[in-house]
Amino acid sequence: MIKYIQSLNKQTDLNIDIYGICFKDSQNTEYKRIDNKVCTIAEKSYLFEYNVILNTPIVNDYTGFLSWKFRAKTGMNKRVLFNLLLDNHYWNYEVINLCEPLPKPYLEFTELNHKGFMELFTNICTDLGLKVSEPKHTIYSNFFIAKKEIFIEYQELLKKAIELLETKYKTEAWNDSGYKGLPKERLKEATGLDHYTFHTFILERLMSVWINNKGI
């Protein structure tokens, strides 16, 4: 109990910005709330949370962008997360992975669920100078925290990937990814999209392959 209280008192000393991305006013987060109000294709609704990730300045020593569903998906509340960060001396690491390993290889699993992913992903990575292989560290749903310089470099990588998705590979990127999220009518209302495109699935998996290439 004493250890918990001591760690909790240190939370104000954490040099970390952890944002909780919300899409609707009714959604709540334990972290620094940041709203994604993009709802039209003209505003790039197909990028979903990446609109927020790319347009938020990285100013603190470490930064993370978590879905408002983070606690429900992981069972980890803010107090537990901060205590884990402190107990494990987070400042010794470049990237902190908050994901459990998947039962199947990440890229293989993605191709099984989103037919056509692997060819497009390989082309994007090749153009970005990245070697594609099953990553050692699996990061999904943007459940990670990274050091300032790493996150800024990652933002630049995302911009280059998005440019490729919007130009050279535009046709492939706009194909139906097969993802079953919101019902078709709700998706159309919320984003203007007729289906979930490949954009976010490509971008989400870039982090794992990129840090693999960098040897982080």
N, C-alpha and C. Protein backbone atom coordinates (compact mmCIF):
# COMPACT_ATOMS: atom_id res chain seq x y z
N MET A 1 0.83 -1.20 0.00
CA MET A 1 0.00 0.00 0.00
C MET A 1 0.87 1.25 0.00
N ILE A 2 1.93 1.23 0.76
CA ILE A 2 2.83 2.38 0.81
C ILE A 2 3.45 2.61 -0.56
N LYS A 3 3.85 1.52 -1.22
CA LYS A 3 4.47 1.63 -2.54
C LYS A 3 3.50 2.25 -3.53
N TYR A 4 2.24 1.86 -3.45
CA TYR A 4 1.22 2.41 -4.35
C TYR A 4 1.07 3.91 -4.13
N ILE A 5 0.96 4.34 -2.89
CA ILE A 5 0.78 5.76 -2.59
C ILE A 5 1.98 6.57 -3.06
N GLN A 6 3.18 6.03 -2.85
CA GLN A 6 4.38 6.73 -3.29
C GLN A 6 4.38 6.89 -4.81
N SER A 7 4.04 5.83 -5.51
CA SER A 7 4.03 5.88 -6.97
C SER A 7 2.96 6.85 -7.47
N LEU A 8 1.80 6.83 -6.82
CA LEU A 8 0.71 7.70 -7.23
C LEU A 8 1.09 9.16 -7.06
N ASN A 9 1.80 9.47 -5.98
CA ASN A 9 2.23 10.84 -5.73
C ASN A 9 3.23 11.31 -6.77
N LYS A 10 3.92 10.39 -7.44
CA LYS A 10 4.92 10.75 -8.43
C LYS A 10 4.32 10.99 -9.81
N GLN A 11 3.02 10.73 -9.96
CA GLN A 11 2.42 10.83 -11.30
C GLN A 11 2.58 12.23 -11.91
N THR A 12 2.56 13.26 -11.07
CA THR A 12 2.70 14.61 -11.60
C THR A 12 4.10 14.86 -12.14
N ASP A 13 5.05 13.98 -11.79
CA ASP A 13 6.42 14.14 -12.27
C ASP A 13 6.69 13.38 -13.56
N LEU A 14 5.71 12.64 -14.04
CA LEU A 14 5.88 11.89 -15.27
C LEU A 14 6.00 12.86 -16.45
N ASN A 15 7.07 12.72 -17.20
CA ASN A 15 7.26 13.61 -18.36
C ASN A 15 6.58 13.00 -19.58
N ILE A 16 5.28 12.75 -19.45
CA ILE A 16 4.52 12.04 -20.48
C ILE A 16 3.22 12.78 -20.79
N ASP A 17 2.91 12.86 -22.08
CA ASP A 17 1.58 13.29 -22.52
C ASP A 17 0.87 12.05 -23.04
N ILE A 18 -0.19 11.64 -22.36
CA ILE A 18 -1.00 10.53 -22.86
C ILE A 18 -2.38 11.08 -23.20
N TYR A 19 -2.72 11.00 -24.47
CA TYR A 19 -3.99 11.52 -24.94
C TYR A 19 -5.01 10.38 -25.08
N GLY A 20 -6.25 10.69 -24.80
CA GLY A 20 -7.35 9.76 -25.03
C GLY A 20 -8.17 10.29 -26.18
N ILE A 21 -8.18 9.58 -27.31
CA ILE A 21 -8.89 10.04 -28.50
C ILE A 21 -10.36 9.68 -28.42
N CYS A 22 -11.23 10.69 -28.53
CA CYS A 22 -12.67 10.49 -28.51
C CYS A 22 -13.27 10.99 -29.83
N PHE A 23 -14.29 10.29 -30.29
CA PHE A 23 -14.94 10.66 -31.54
C PHE A 23 -16.30 11.31 -31.32
N LYS A 24 -16.88 11.09 -30.12
CA LYS A 24 -18.19 11.66 -29.81
C LYS A 24 -18.16 12.27 -28.41
N ASP A 25 -19.04 13.25 -28.17
CA ASP A 25 -19.10 13.91 -26.87
C ASP A 25 -19.46 12.94 -25.75
N SER A 26 -20.17 11.88 -26.09
CA SER A 26 -20.61 10.91 -25.08
C SER A 26 -19.49 9.97 -24.64
N GLN A 27 -18.37 9.96 -25.36
CA GLN A 27 -17.24 9.10 -25.02
C GLN A 27 -16.35 9.78 -23.99
N ASN A 28 -15.78 8.97 -23.08
CA ASN A 28 -14.95 9.51 -22.02
C ASN A 28 -13.59 8.84 -21.99
N THR A 29 -12.62 9.53 -21.41
CA THR A 29 -11.28 8.99 -21.29
C THR A 29 -10.66 9.43 -19.97
N GLU A 30 -9.76 8.61 -19.43
CA GLU A 30 -9.05 8.96 -18.20
C GLU A 30 -7.86 9.88 -18.48
N TYR A 31 -7.49 9.98 -19.75
CA TYR A 31 -6.29 10.71 -20.11
C TYR A 31 -6.62 12.10 -20.64
N LYS A 32 -5.65 12.79 -21.17
CA LYS A 32 -5.85 14.13 -21.70
C LYS A 32 -6.74 14.02 -22.94
N ARG A 33 -7.95 14.50 -22.81
CA ARG A 33 -8.93 14.31 -23.87
C ARG A 33 -8.54 15.08 -25.13
N ILE A 34 -8.67 14.40 -26.28
CA ILE A 34 -8.46 15.06 -27.56
C ILE A 34 -9.51 14.51 -28.52
N ASP A 35 -10.28 15.39 -29.11
CA ASP A 35 -11.43 14.98 -29.93
C ASP A 35 -11.09 14.95 -31.41
N ASN A 36 -11.55 13.91 -32.07
CA ASN A 36 -11.44 13.82 -33.52
C ASN A 36 -12.82 14.10 -34.10
N LYS A 37 -13.01 15.30 -34.59
CA LYS A 37 -14.31 15.73 -35.09
C LYS A 37 -14.41 15.61 -36.62
N VAL A 38 -13.38 15.05 -37.24
CA VAL A 38 -13.40 14.88 -38.69
C VAL A 38 -14.48 13.89 -39.08
N CYS A 39 -15.36 14.29 -39.98
CA CYS A 39 -16.49 13.41 -40.32
C CYS A 39 -16.80 13.38 -41.81
N THR A 40 -15.93 13.94 -42.64
CA THR A 40 -16.16 13.92 -44.09
C THR A 40 -14.91 13.45 -44.82
N ILE A 41 -15.10 12.91 -45.99
CA ILE A 41 -13.98 12.44 -46.80
C ILE A 41 -13.07 13.61 -47.18
N ALA A 42 -13.66 14.77 -47.42
CA ALA A 42 -12.87 15.95 -47.77
C ALA A 42 -11.89 16.32 -46.65
N GLU A 43 -12.28 16.04 -45.41
CA GLU A 43 -11.41 16.29 -44.25
C GLU A 43 -10.48 15.11 -43.95
N LYS A 44 -10.56 14.09 -44.78
CA LYS A 44 -9.76 12.87 -44.62
C LYS A 44 -10.25 11.99 -43.47
N SER A 45 -11.54 11.77 -43.44
CA SER A 45 -12.13 10.92 -42.41
C SER A 45 -11.58 9.50 -42.47
N TYR A 46 -11.09 9.09 -43.64
CA TYR A 46 -10.56 7.73 -43.81
C TYR A 46 -9.27 7.51 -43.02
N LEU A 47 -8.70 8.58 -42.47
CA LEU A 47 -7.49 8.43 -41.64
C LEU A 47 -7.84 8.22 -40.17
N PHE A 48 -9.09 8.41 -39.81
CA PHE A 48 -9.58 8.20 -38.44
C PHE A 48 -8.64 8.85 -37.41
N GLU A 49 -8.10 8.08 -36.47
CA GLU A 49 -7.30 8.66 -35.38
C GLU A 49 -6.00 9.31 -35.84
N TYR A 50 -5.56 8.99 -37.05
CA TYR A 50 -4.30 9.58 -37.53
C TYR A 50 -4.43 11.07 -37.82
N ASN A 51 -5.65 11.55 -38.02
CA ASN A 51 -5.85 12.98 -38.13
C ASN A 51 -5.40 13.68 -36.85
N VAL A 52 -5.68 13.06 -35.72
CA VAL A 52 -5.29 13.61 -34.43
C VAL A 52 -3.79 13.42 -34.19
N ILE A 53 -3.30 12.23 -34.45
CA ILE A 53 -1.89 11.91 -34.19
C ILE A 53 -0.96 12.82 -35.00
N LEU A 54 -1.33 13.11 -36.23
CA LEU A 54 -0.47 13.92 -37.09
C LEU A 54 -0.56 15.41 -36.80
N ASN A 55 -1.66 15.87 -36.24
CA ASN A 55 -1.87 17.29 -36.04
C ASN A 55 -1.66 17.76 -34.61
N THR A 56 -1.10 16.90 -33.79
CA THR A 56 -0.82 17.26 -32.39
C THR A 56 0.69 17.42 -32.20
N PRO A 57 1.15 18.59 -31.79
CA PRO A 57 2.59 18.79 -31.56
C PRO A 57 3.09 17.87 -30.45
N ILE A 58 4.26 17.29 -30.64
CA ILE A 58 4.88 16.43 -29.63
C ILE A 58 5.84 17.30 -28.82
N VAL A 59 5.48 17.57 -27.59
CA VAL A 59 6.26 18.53 -26.79
C VAL A 59 6.90 17.93 -25.55
N ASN A 60 6.33 16.86 -25.01
CA ASN A 60 6.87 16.30 -23.78
C ASN A 60 7.90 15.21 -24.10
N ASP A 61 8.56 14.70 -23.07
CA ASP A 61 9.61 13.70 -23.27
C ASP A 61 9.07 12.41 -23.89
N TYR A 62 7.83 12.04 -23.53
CA TYR A 62 7.18 10.84 -24.06
C TYR A 62 5.73 11.18 -24.40
N THR A 63 5.21 10.50 -25.43
CA THR A 63 3.84 10.76 -25.86
C THR A 63 3.15 9.46 -26.27
N GLY A 64 1.86 9.40 -25.99
CA GLY A 64 1.04 8.27 -26.42
C GLY A 64 -0.36 8.74 -26.79
N PHE A 65 -0.96 8.10 -27.77
CA PHE A 65 -2.33 8.38 -28.17
C PHE A 65 -3.13 7.09 -28.01
N LEU A 66 -4.04 7.07 -27.07
CA LEU A 66 -4.80 5.86 -26.79
C LEU A 66 -6.28 6.06 -27.14
N SER A 67 -6.88 5.02 -27.63
CA SER A 67 -8.31 5.05 -27.89
C SER A 67 -9.07 5.25 -26.57
N TRP A 68 -10.23 5.88 -26.66
CA TRP A 68 -11.08 6.04 -25.47
C TRP A 68 -11.50 4.66 -24.93
N LYS A 69 -11.33 3.61 -25.76
CA LYS A 69 -11.67 2.25 -25.34
C LYS A 69 -10.49 1.51 -24.70
N PHE A 70 -9.37 2.21 -24.49
CA PHE A 70 -8.15 1.55 -24.01
C PHE A 70 -8.40 0.73 -22.75
N ARG A 71 -9.07 1.30 -21.76
CA ARG A 71 -9.30 0.59 -20.51
C ARG A 71 -10.16 -0.65 -20.73
N ALA A 72 -11.20 -0.52 -21.55
CA ALA A 72 -12.09 -1.65 -21.82
C ALA A 72 -11.37 -2.76 -22.57
N LYS A 73 -10.46 -2.39 -23.47
CA LYS A 73 -9.76 -3.38 -24.29
C LYS A 73 -8.62 -4.07 -23.55
N THR A 74 -8.01 -3.37 -22.59
CA THR A 74 -6.83 -3.93 -21.92
C THR A 74 -7.05 -4.26 -20.44
N GLY A 75 -8.10 -3.69 -19.84
CA GLY A 75 -8.31 -3.89 -18.42
C GLY A 75 -7.38 -3.06 -17.57
N MET A 76 -6.64 -2.13 -18.21
CA MET A 76 -5.63 -1.33 -17.51
C MET A 76 -6.12 0.10 -17.32
N ASN A 77 -6.30 0.51 -16.07
CA ASN A 77 -6.71 1.90 -15.84
C ASN A 77 -5.49 2.80 -15.72
N LYS A 78 -5.73 4.07 -15.58
CA LYS A 78 -4.65 5.06 -15.57
C LYS A 78 -3.69 4.83 -14.39
N ARG A 79 -4.23 4.54 -13.24
CA ARG A 79 -3.40 4.33 -12.05
C ARG A 79 -2.45 3.16 -12.25
N VAL A 80 -2.98 2.05 -12.77
CA VAL A 80 -2.15 0.87 -13.01
C VAL A 80 -1.08 1.17 -14.05
N LEU A 81 -1.46 1.85 -15.14
CA LEU A 81 -0.51 2.18 -16.19
C LEU A 81 0.63 3.05 -15.65
N PHE A 82 0.29 4.10 -14.94
CA PHE A 82 1.32 5.01 -14.43
C PHE A 82 2.24 4.32 -13.43
N ASN A 83 1.68 3.45 -12.60
CA ASN A 83 2.53 2.71 -11.65
C ASN A 83 3.48 1.77 -12.37
N LEU A 84 3.00 1.14 -13.43
CA LEU A 84 3.85 0.25 -14.22
C LEU A 84 4.97 1.04 -14.89
N LEU A 85 4.65 2.21 -15.40
CA LEU A 85 5.67 3.04 -16.04
C LEU A 85 6.75 3.44 -15.05
N LEU A 86 6.33 3.81 -13.86
CA LEU A 86 7.29 4.22 -12.83
C LEU A 86 8.11 3.04 -12.33
N ASP A 87 7.44 1.93 -12.05
CA ASP A 87 8.14 0.76 -11.51
C ASP A 87 9.16 0.20 -12.49
N ASN A 88 8.89 0.37 -13.79
CA ASN A 88 9.80 -0.17 -14.81
C ASN A 88 10.73 0.89 -15.39
N HIS A 89 10.79 2.06 -14.73
CA HIS A 89 11.70 3.13 -15.14
C HIS A 89 11.57 3.43 -16.63
N TYR A 90 10.39 3.86 -17.02
CA TYR A 90 10.05 4.06 -18.43
C TYR A 90 11.06 4.91 -19.18
N TRP A 91 11.74 5.83 -18.49
CA TRP A 91 12.67 6.74 -19.16
C TRP A 91 13.91 6.03 -19.71
N ASN A 92 14.06 4.74 -19.43
CA ASN A 92 15.18 3.97 -19.98
C ASN A 92 14.86 3.41 -21.37
N TYR A 93 13.62 3.60 -21.83
CA TYR A 93 13.20 2.96 -23.07
C TYR A 93 12.80 3.98 -24.13
N GLU A 94 12.98 3.60 -25.40
CA GLU A 94 12.59 4.47 -26.51
C GLU A 94 11.10 4.32 -26.85
N VAL A 95 10.61 3.08 -26.78
CA VAL A 95 9.21 2.79 -27.05
C VAL A 95 8.68 1.85 -25.98
N ILE A 96 7.49 2.13 -25.49
CA ILE A 96 6.84 1.29 -24.48
C ILE A 96 5.62 0.67 -25.14
N ASN A 97 5.64 -0.64 -25.29
CA ASN A 97 4.57 -1.38 -25.96
C ASN A 97 3.52 -1.80 -24.93
N LEU A 98 2.27 -1.43 -25.17
CA LEU A 98 1.18 -1.75 -24.25
C LEU A 98 0.29 -2.87 -24.79
N CYS A 99 0.80 -3.63 -25.75
CA CYS A 99 0.02 -4.69 -26.41
C CYS A 99 0.49 -6.08 -26.00
N GLU A 100 -0.46 -6.98 -25.85
CA GLU A 100 -0.13 -8.39 -25.65
C GLU A 100 0.17 -9.02 -27.01
N PRO A 101 1.06 -10.02 -27.05
CA PRO A 101 1.34 -10.70 -28.32
C PRO A 101 0.09 -11.34 -28.91
N LEU A 102 -0.01 -11.31 -30.23
CA LEU A 102 -1.15 -11.94 -30.89
C LEU A 102 -0.90 -13.44 -31.04
N PRO A 103 -1.97 -14.24 -31.12
CA PRO A 103 -1.80 -15.69 -31.26
C PRO A 103 -1.19 -16.10 -32.59
N LYS A 104 -1.33 -15.24 -33.61
CA LYS A 104 -0.76 -15.54 -34.93
C LYS A 104 0.21 -14.42 -35.31
N PRO A 105 1.14 -14.70 -36.22
CA PRO A 105 2.02 -13.62 -36.72
C PRO A 105 1.19 -12.44 -37.20
N TYR A 106 1.60 -11.25 -36.84
CA TYR A 106 0.82 -10.03 -37.04
C TYR A 106 0.42 -9.79 -38.49
N LEU A 107 1.39 -9.82 -39.39
CA LEU A 107 1.09 -9.51 -40.79
C LEU A 107 0.28 -10.62 -41.44
N GLU A 108 0.60 -11.84 -41.06
CA GLU A 108 -0.18 -12.99 -41.58
C GLU A 108 -1.62 -12.89 -41.11
N PHE A 109 -1.81 -12.55 -39.85
CA PHE A 109 -3.14 -12.38 -39.26
C PHE A 109 -3.90 -11.27 -40.00
N THR A 110 -3.20 -10.18 -40.32
CA THR A 110 -3.83 -9.06 -41.01
C THR A 110 -4.30 -9.46 -42.40
N GLU A 111 -3.46 -10.17 -43.14
CA GLU A 111 -3.83 -10.60 -44.49
C GLU A 111 -5.04 -11.53 -44.47
N LEU A 112 -5.11 -12.38 -43.47
CA LEU A 112 -6.24 -13.30 -43.34
C LEU A 112 -7.55 -12.54 -43.14
N ASN A 113 -7.48 -11.41 -42.45
CA ASN A 113 -8.68 -10.65 -42.14
C ASN A 113 -8.95 -9.51 -43.12
N HIS A 114 -7.90 -9.11 -43.86
CA HIS A 114 -8.05 -8.01 -44.81
C HIS A 114 -7.34 -8.38 -46.11
N LYS A 115 -8.03 -9.14 -46.93
CA LYS A 115 -7.44 -9.64 -48.17
C LYS A 115 -6.93 -8.50 -49.05
N GLY A 116 -5.70 -8.64 -49.49
CA GLY A 116 -5.09 -7.61 -50.31
C GLY A 116 -4.16 -6.70 -49.53
N PHE A 117 -4.18 -6.84 -48.20
CA PHE A 117 -3.33 -5.99 -47.36
C PHE A 117 -1.85 -6.17 -47.66
N MET A 118 -1.41 -7.41 -47.72
CA MET A 118 0.02 -7.69 -47.76
C MET A 118 0.71 -7.10 -48.99
N GLU A 119 0.07 -7.17 -50.13
CA GLU A 119 0.68 -6.63 -51.35
C GLU A 119 0.82 -5.11 -51.25
N LEU A 120 -0.24 -4.46 -50.80
CA LEU A 120 -0.20 -3.00 -50.66
C LEU A 120 0.80 -2.58 -49.59
N PHE A 121 0.80 -3.27 -48.47
CA PHE A 121 1.72 -2.93 -47.38
C PHE A 121 3.17 -3.10 -47.80
N THR A 122 3.45 -4.18 -48.52
CA THR A 122 4.82 -4.43 -48.99
C THR A 122 5.26 -3.33 -49.95
N ASN A 123 4.37 -2.92 -50.85
CA ASN A 123 4.71 -1.85 -51.79
C ASN A 123 4.99 -0.54 -51.07
N ILE A 124 4.16 -0.21 -50.10
CA ILE A 124 4.34 1.03 -49.33
C ILE A 124 5.68 0.98 -48.59
N CYS A 125 5.95 -0.12 -47.90
CA CYS A 125 7.18 -0.24 -47.13
C CYS A 125 8.41 -0.18 -48.03
N THR A 126 8.33 -0.83 -49.17
CA THR A 126 9.46 -0.80 -50.11
C THR A 126 9.76 0.62 -50.55
N ASP A 127 8.72 1.39 -50.85
CA ASP A 127 8.91 2.78 -51.25
C ASP A 127 9.45 3.63 -50.11
N LEU A 128 9.19 3.21 -48.88
CA LEU A 128 9.68 3.94 -47.71
C LEU A 128 11.06 3.45 -47.27
N GLY A 129 11.58 2.45 -47.97
CA GLY A 129 12.90 1.93 -47.64
C GLY A 129 12.89 0.98 -46.46
N LEU A 130 11.75 0.34 -46.21
CA LEU A 130 11.63 -0.58 -45.08
C LEU A 130 11.56 -2.02 -45.57
N LYS A 131 12.29 -2.89 -44.90
CA LYS A 131 12.23 -4.32 -45.20
C LYS A 131 11.05 -4.92 -44.45
N VAL A 132 10.25 -5.68 -45.17
CA VAL A 132 9.05 -6.26 -44.57
C VAL A 132 9.31 -7.67 -44.06
N SER A 133 9.06 -7.87 -42.79
CA SER A 133 9.11 -9.19 -42.17
C SER A 133 8.25 -9.14 -40.93
N GLU A 134 7.88 -10.31 -40.42
CA GLU A 134 7.06 -10.33 -39.22
C GLU A 134 7.81 -9.62 -38.09
N PRO A 135 7.22 -8.57 -37.51
CA PRO A 135 7.93 -7.78 -36.49
C PRO A 135 8.15 -8.54 -35.19
N LYS A 136 9.25 -8.23 -34.56
CA LYS A 136 9.58 -8.83 -33.26
C LYS A 136 8.61 -8.35 -32.19
N HIS A 137 8.24 -7.08 -32.27
CA HIS A 137 7.33 -6.48 -31.29
C HIS A 137 6.05 -6.06 -32.00
N THR A 138 4.95 -6.65 -31.60
CA THR A 138 3.66 -6.37 -32.22
C THR A 138 2.97 -5.21 -31.52
N ILE A 139 2.74 -4.13 -32.27
CA ILE A 139 2.02 -2.98 -31.75
C ILE A 139 0.76 -2.78 -32.57
N TYR A 140 -0.39 -2.76 -31.92
CA TYR A 140 -1.65 -2.57 -32.62
C TYR A 140 -2.50 -1.53 -31.87
N SER A 141 -3.50 -1.01 -32.56
CA SER A 141 -4.43 -0.03 -31.98
C SER A 141 -3.73 1.22 -31.45
N ASN A 142 -2.49 1.46 -31.86
CA ASN A 142 -1.71 2.60 -31.37
C ASN A 142 -1.52 2.57 -29.86
N PHE A 143 -1.49 1.35 -29.30
CA PHE A 143 -1.28 1.21 -27.86
C PHE A 143 0.22 1.19 -27.55
N PHE A 144 0.83 2.36 -27.65
CA PHE A 144 2.25 2.48 -27.33
C PHE A 144 2.55 3.90 -26.90
N ILE A 145 3.67 4.05 -26.22
CA ILE A 145 4.18 5.36 -25.81
C ILE A 145 5.61 5.44 -26.32
N ALA A 146 5.99 6.58 -26.90
CA ALA A 146 7.32 6.68 -27.48
C ALA A 146 8.02 7.98 -27.07
N LYS A 147 9.33 7.91 -27.05
CA LYS A 147 10.15 9.06 -26.74
C LYS A 147 9.92 10.16 -27.78
N LYS A 148 10.09 11.39 -27.38
CA LYS A 148 9.78 12.54 -28.22
C LYS A 148 10.38 12.45 -29.62
N GLU A 149 11.69 12.21 -29.70
CA GLU A 149 12.33 12.20 -31.02
C GLU A 149 11.85 11.03 -31.87
N ILE A 150 11.53 9.92 -31.22
CA ILE A 150 11.00 8.77 -31.95
C ILE A 150 9.62 9.09 -32.51
N PHE A 151 8.78 9.72 -31.69
CA PHE A 151 7.42 10.00 -32.14
C PHE A 151 7.42 11.02 -33.27
N ILE A 152 8.27 12.02 -33.19
CA ILE A 152 8.33 13.02 -34.25
C ILE A 152 8.78 12.38 -35.57
N GLU A 153 9.76 11.48 -35.48
CA GLU A 153 10.23 10.77 -36.67
C GLU A 153 9.12 9.87 -37.22
N TYR A 154 8.36 9.26 -36.32
CA TYR A 154 7.24 8.40 -36.71
C TYR A 154 6.17 9.23 -37.43
N GLN A 155 5.89 10.43 -36.95
CA GLN A 155 4.93 11.30 -37.61
C GLN A 155 5.35 11.60 -39.05
N GLU A 156 6.64 11.81 -39.25
CA GLU A 156 7.14 12.08 -40.61
C GLU A 156 6.97 10.84 -41.50
N LEU A 157 7.20 9.67 -40.93
CA LEU A 157 7.00 8.42 -41.67
C LEU A 157 5.54 8.28 -42.08
N LEU A 158 4.63 8.59 -41.17
CA LEU A 158 3.20 8.51 -41.46
C LEU A 158 2.82 9.44 -42.61
N LYS A 159 3.37 10.64 -42.61
CA LYS A 159 3.07 11.60 -43.67
C LYS A 159 3.50 11.07 -45.03
N LYS A 160 4.67 10.46 -45.08
CA LYS A 160 5.17 9.90 -46.34
C LYS A 160 4.28 8.74 -46.80
N ALA A 161 3.87 7.91 -45.86
CA ALA A 161 3.02 6.77 -46.19
C ALA A 161 1.66 7.24 -46.69
N ILE A 162 1.11 8.25 -46.04
CA ILE A 162 -0.19 8.79 -46.46
C ILE A 162 -0.11 9.39 -47.85
N GLU A 163 0.98 10.06 -48.15
CA GLU A 163 1.16 10.63 -49.49
C GLU A 163 1.14 9.51 -50.55
N LEU A 164 1.80 8.41 -50.25
CA LEU A 164 1.79 7.27 -51.17
C LEU A 164 0.39 6.68 -51.31
N LEU A 165 -0.33 6.60 -50.20
CA LEU A 165 -1.68 6.04 -50.20
C LEU A 165 -2.65 6.94 -50.95
N GLU A 166 -2.35 8.22 -50.99
CA GLU A 166 -3.25 9.17 -51.64
C GLU A 166 -2.86 9.46 -53.09
N THR A 167 -1.71 8.95 -53.51
CA THR A 167 -1.26 9.22 -54.88
C THR A 167 -0.95 7.91 -55.63
N LYS A 168 0.24 7.40 -55.45
CA LYS A 168 0.70 6.23 -56.20
C LYS A 168 -0.20 5.01 -56.01
N TYR A 169 -0.69 4.81 -54.78
CA TYR A 169 -1.49 3.62 -54.49
C TYR A 169 -2.93 3.98 -54.10
N LYS A 170 -3.42 5.05 -54.67
CA LYS A 170 -4.75 5.54 -54.32
C LYS A 170 -5.84 4.51 -54.59
N THR A 171 -5.79 3.87 -55.74
CA THR A 171 -6.83 2.89 -56.10
C THR A 171 -6.85 1.74 -55.11
N GLU A 172 -5.69 1.18 -54.81
CA GLU A 172 -5.60 0.04 -53.88
C GLU A 172 -6.01 0.44 -52.47
N ALA A 173 -5.63 1.64 -52.06
CA ALA A 173 -5.93 2.10 -50.70
C ALA A 173 -7.43 2.25 -50.46
N TRP A 174 -8.17 2.58 -51.53
CA TRP A 174 -9.60 2.80 -51.37
C TRP A 174 -10.44 1.53 -51.53
N ASN A 175 -9.79 0.40 -51.74
CA ASN A 175 -10.54 -0.86 -51.79
C ASN A 175 -11.15 -1.17 -50.42
N ASP A 176 -12.14 -2.01 -50.42
CA ASP A 176 -12.81 -2.43 -49.19
C ASP A 176 -11.89 -3.37 -48.41
N SER A 177 -11.55 -3.00 -47.20
CA SER A 177 -10.63 -3.81 -46.37
C SER A 177 -11.33 -5.02 -45.75
N GLY A 178 -12.66 -5.03 -45.81
CA GLY A 178 -13.39 -6.15 -45.23
C GLY A 178 -13.61 -6.03 -43.73
N TYR A 179 -13.22 -4.91 -43.15
CA TYR A 179 -13.38 -4.74 -41.70
C TYR A 179 -14.85 -4.56 -41.34
N LYS A 180 -15.26 -5.24 -40.28
CA LYS A 180 -16.64 -5.15 -39.82
C LYS A 180 -16.69 -4.31 -38.55
N GLY A 181 -16.85 -3.02 -38.72
CA GLY A 181 -16.92 -2.12 -37.58
C GLY A 181 -18.34 -1.60 -37.42
N LEU A 182 -18.52 -0.32 -37.70
CA LEU A 182 -19.85 0.26 -37.66
C LEU A 182 -20.72 -0.32 -38.78
N PRO A 183 -22.01 -0.45 -38.56
CA PRO A 183 -22.90 -0.83 -39.66
C PRO A 183 -22.75 0.19 -40.80
N LYS A 184 -23.00 -0.26 -42.01
CA LYS A 184 -22.76 0.56 -43.20
C LYS A 184 -23.43 1.93 -43.10
N GLU A 185 -24.66 1.98 -42.61
CA GLU A 185 -25.38 3.25 -42.53
C GLU A 185 -24.72 4.19 -41.53
N ARG A 186 -24.28 3.64 -40.38
CA ARG A 186 -23.65 4.46 -39.35
C ARG A 186 -22.28 4.94 -39.81
N LEU A 187 -21.55 4.08 -40.52
CA LEU A 187 -20.24 4.47 -41.04
C LEU A 187 -20.40 5.63 -42.01
N LYS A 188 -21.38 5.55 -42.88
CA LYS A 188 -21.63 6.60 -43.87
C LYS A 188 -21.97 7.91 -43.17
N GLU A 189 -22.79 7.82 -42.15
CA GLU A 189 -23.21 9.01 -41.41
C GLU A 189 -22.04 9.65 -40.67
N ALA A 190 -21.18 8.81 -40.09
CA ALA A 190 -20.09 9.32 -39.26
C ALA A 190 -18.89 9.79 -40.05
N THR A 191 -18.65 9.19 -41.23
CA THR A 191 -17.41 9.46 -41.97
C THR A 191 -17.61 9.80 -43.44
N GLY A 192 -18.77 9.49 -43.98
CA GLY A 192 -18.98 9.67 -45.42
C GLY A 192 -18.48 8.50 -46.23
N LEU A 193 -17.90 7.50 -45.57
CA LEU A 193 -17.34 6.33 -46.26
C LEU A 193 -18.40 5.26 -46.51
N ASP A 194 -18.25 4.57 -47.64
CA ASP A 194 -19.15 3.45 -47.94
C ASP A 194 -18.62 2.16 -47.32
N HIS A 195 -17.32 2.12 -47.04
CA HIS A 195 -16.71 0.96 -46.41
C HIS A 195 -15.40 1.40 -45.76
N TYR A 196 -14.84 0.54 -44.95
CA TYR A 196 -13.54 0.82 -44.33
C TYR A 196 -12.44 0.58 -45.37
N THR A 197 -11.66 1.60 -45.64
CA THR A 197 -10.58 1.50 -46.61
C THR A 197 -9.33 0.90 -45.95
N PHE A 198 -8.26 0.78 -46.72
CA PHE A 198 -7.02 0.18 -46.21
C PHE A 198 -6.11 1.19 -45.50
N HIS A 199 -6.42 2.46 -45.58
CA HIS A 199 -5.50 3.47 -45.07
C HIS A 199 -5.03 3.20 -43.64
N THR A 200 -5.97 3.08 -42.72
CA THR A 200 -5.58 2.96 -41.31
C THR A 200 -4.92 1.62 -41.00
N PHE A 201 -5.25 0.59 -41.73
CA PHE A 201 -4.65 -0.72 -41.49
C PHE A 201 -3.18 -0.73 -41.91
N ILE A 202 -2.89 -0.02 -42.99
CA ILE A 202 -1.49 0.12 -43.42
C ILE A 202 -0.71 0.94 -42.39
N LEU A 203 -1.26 2.08 -42.00
CA LEU A 203 -0.57 2.99 -41.08
C LEU A 203 -0.36 2.36 -39.72
N GLU A 204 -1.34 1.65 -39.23
CA GLU A 204 -1.23 1.06 -37.90
C GLU A 204 -0.10 0.03 -37.82
N ARG A 205 0.11 -0.70 -38.88
CA ARG A 205 1.13 -1.75 -38.87
C ARG A 205 2.53 -1.23 -39.20
N LEU A 206 2.61 -0.02 -39.65
CA LEU A 206 3.91 0.57 -39.97
C LEU A 206 4.80 0.67 -38.74
N MET A 207 4.22 1.00 -37.59
CA MET A 207 5.02 1.20 -36.38
C MET A 207 5.83 -0.04 -36.04
N SER A 208 5.21 -1.20 -36.05
CA SER A 208 5.88 -2.45 -35.69
C SER A 208 7.03 -2.76 -36.64
N VAL A 209 6.79 -2.59 -37.94
CA VAL A 209 7.81 -2.89 -38.94
C VAL A 209 8.92 -1.84 -38.91
N TRP A 210 8.54 -0.60 -38.68
CA TRP A 210 9.52 0.49 -38.64
C TRP A 210 10.51 0.32 -37.49
N ILE A 211 10.02 0.04 -36.27
CA ILE A 211 10.95 -0.13 -35.14
C ILE A 211 11.77 -1.41 -35.31
N ASN A 212 11.21 -2.38 -36.02
CA ASN A 212 11.96 -3.59 -36.33
C ASN A 212 13.15 -3.25 -37.21
N ASN A 213 12.90 -2.41 -38.21
CA ASN A 213 13.96 -1.98 -39.13
C ASN A 213 15.01 -1.13 -38.41
N LYS A 214 14.57 -0.32 -37.46
CA LYS A 214 15.47 0.57 -36.73
C LYS A 214 16.23 -0.14 -35.59
N GLY A 215 15.79 -1.36 -35.29
CA GLY A 215 16.44 -2.10 -34.21
C GLY A 215 16.11 -1.57 -32.81
N ILE A 216 14.93 -0.95 -32.69
CA ILE A 216 14.51 -0.42 -31.39
C ILE A 216 13.98 -1.56 -30.54
